[in-house]
Protein backbone atom coordinates (compact mmCIF):
# COMPACT_ATOMS: atom_id res chain seq x y z
CA UNK A 1 -8.85 5.84 -12.73
CA UNK A 2 -8.91 9.52 -11.88
CA UNK A 3 -5.81 11.62 -11.40
CA UNK A 4 -4.73 11.69 -7.78
CA UNK A 5 -7.33 9.14 -6.66
CA UNK A 6 -6.28 5.52 -6.07
CA UNK A 7 -8.07 3.09 -8.35
CA UNK A 8 -10.84 1.07 -6.71
CA UNK A 9 -9.50 -2.08 -8.42
CA UNK A 10 -5.94 -1.76 -7.07
CA UNK A 11 -5.32 -4.47 -4.50
CA UNK A 12 -2.55 -4.00 -1.97
CA UNK A 13 0.34 -6.34 -2.75
CA UNK A 14 -1.48 -7.86 -5.77
CA UNK A 15 -1.98 -5.13 -8.35
CA UNK A 16 -5.01 -4.78 -10.60
CA UNK A 17 -8.04 -6.93 -9.72
CA UNK A 18 -9.47 -6.53 -13.25
CA UNK A 19 -6.19 -6.65 -15.19
CA UNK A 20 -7.49 -8.91 -17.98
CA UNK A 21 -10.61 -6.75 -18.43
CA UNK A 22 -9.16 -3.31 -17.62
CA UNK A 23 -10.33 -0.40 -19.75
CA UNK A 24 -8.26 0.81 -22.68
CA UNK A 25 -8.32 4.37 -21.40
CA UNK A 26 -6.61 5.12 -19.13
CA UNK A 27 -5.29 1.71 -18.08
CA UNK A 28 -4.01 -0.18 -21.14
CA UNK A 29 -2.14 2.82 -22.55
CA UNK A 30 -0.66 3.86 -19.20
CA UNK A 31 2.87 3.01 -18.07
CA UNK A 32 4.19 4.19 -14.73
CA UNK A 33 7.77 5.38 -14.46
CA UNK A 34 8.75 2.11 -12.77
CA UNK A 35 8.01 0.34 -16.08
CA UNK A 36 9.70 3.00 -18.22
CA UNK A 37 12.95 3.56 -16.31
CA UNK A 38 15.05 0.45 -15.75
CA UNK A 39 17.23 2.27 -13.21
CA UNK A 40 14.33 2.22 -10.73
CA UNK A 41 14.83 -0.83 -8.49
CA UNK A 42 12.47 -3.80 -8.24
CA UNK A 43 11.54 -2.98 -4.64
CA UNK A 44 9.89 0.27 -5.88
CA UNK A 45 7.34 -1.65 -7.94
CA UNK A 46 3.94 -0.02 -7.24
CA UNK A 47 2.29 -3.11 -5.83
CA UNK A 48 5.15 -3.51 -3.35
CA UNK A 49 5.25 0.11 -2.18
CA UNK A 50 1.66 1.24 -2.80
CA UNK A 51 3.16 4.30 -4.49
CA UNK A 52 2.72 5.13 -8.16
CA UNK A 53 5.57 7.07 -9.73
CA UNK A 54 4.83 8.77 -13.02
CA UNK A 55 5.77 11.75 -15.16
CA UNK A 56 3.79 14.96 -15.50
CA UNK A 57 4.26 18.51 -16.75
CA UNK A 58 3.45 21.92 -15.37
CA UNK A 59 3.84 24.86 -17.74
CA UNK A 60 5.92 22.57 -19.96
CA UNK A 61 8.27 21.64 -17.11
CA UNK A 62 8.62 17.89 -16.55
CA UNK A 63 8.37 16.49 -13.06
CA UNK A 64 7.95 13.17 -11.30
CA UNK A 65 4.86 12.73 -9.16
CA UNK A 66 4.69 10.14 -6.39
CA UNK A 67 1.10 9.24 -5.56
CA UNK A 68 0.03 7.22 -2.55
CA UNK A 69 -2.11 4.27 -3.63
CA UNK A 70 -3.60 2.79 -0.51
CA UNK A 71 -0.78 3.51 1.94
CA UNK A 72 1.36 6.41 3.13
CA UNK A 73 4.59 6.96 1.20
CA UNK A 74 7.32 5.27 3.22
CA UNK A 75 10.47 7.11 4.24
CA UNK A 76 12.56 4.58 2.28
CA UNK A 77 10.61 5.34 -0.92
CA UNK A 78 10.75 9.09 -0.41
CA UNK A 79 14.47 9.03 0.41
CA UNK A 80 15.21 7.02 -2.74
CA UNK A 81 13.09 9.36 -4.89
CA UNK A 82 14.76 12.49 -3.54
CA UNK A 83 18.21 11.04 -4.26
CA UNK A 84 17.05 9.93 -7.72
CA UNK A 85 15.79 13.38 -8.73
CA UNK A 86 18.88 15.11 -7.36
CA UNK A 87 21.28 12.79 -9.21
CA UNK A 88 19.25 13.00 -12.43
CA UNK A 89 18.49 16.74 -12.20
CA UNK A 90 14.73 16.16 -12.17
CA UNK A 91 11.81 17.69 -10.30
CA UNK A 92 9.63 15.87 -7.76
CA UNK A 93 6.15 16.42 -6.33
CA UNK A 94 4.47 14.35 -3.61
CA UNK A 95 1.72 14.61 -1.04
CA UNK A 96 2.20 13.24 2.45
CA UNK A 97 -0.17 13.46 5.41
CA UNK A 98 -2.16 16.22 3.76
CA UNK A 99 0.90 18.30 2.89
CA UNK A 100 1.96 19.13 -0.66
CA UNK A 101 5.70 19.06 -1.26
CA UNK A 102 8.06 19.61 -4.16
CA UNK A 103 11.74 19.97 -4.90
CA UNK A 104 13.56 20.84 -8.08
CA UNK A 105 14.63 23.70 -10.28
CA UNK A 106 13.75 27.29 -9.47
CA UNK A 107 11.49 27.34 -12.53
CA UNK A 108 9.61 24.25 -11.30
CA UNK A 109 9.33 25.59 -7.75
CA UNK A 110 7.93 28.89 -9.05
CA UNK A 111 5.38 27.10 -11.26
CA UNK A 112 4.25 24.83 -8.41
CA UNK A 113 4.09 27.75 -6.00
CA UNK A 114 1.96 29.73 -8.44
CA UNK A 115 -0.41 26.79 -8.93
CA UNK A 116 -0.57 25.37 -5.41
CA UNK A 117 0.57 28.21 -3.17
CA UNK A 118 3.01 27.66 -0.35
CA UNK A 119 4.10 24.16 0.48
CA UNK A 120 1.87 22.93 3.29
CA UNK A 121 3.12 20.83 6.16
CA UNK A 122 0.85 17.98 7.24
CA UNK A 123 -1.05 18.29 10.48
């Protein structure tokens, strides 16, 4: 329920353990990108991949953020996301093994670099 931190009620392969009683804010009003964009395939559903894909902004620049939710982002998920953002001219940010990574427009890369510094490779 906090940005960048997997929810304690998320159950791997099952979804929300308190779905019927989930709080209005942030849960009821929230829709991940998988729900919003019908071009994203069924196999990328968050409870199947343990990755939440949603939209964010930095300095007014939209980007897609992929957040691990209980498991490391798989290479199949990351490969699909990179192709998706390239085809749709979008920006992407993800964290993997402690490293922060992003791809996209020069404007987006500059904004991310200014906020987060150099991209860090995982150890």
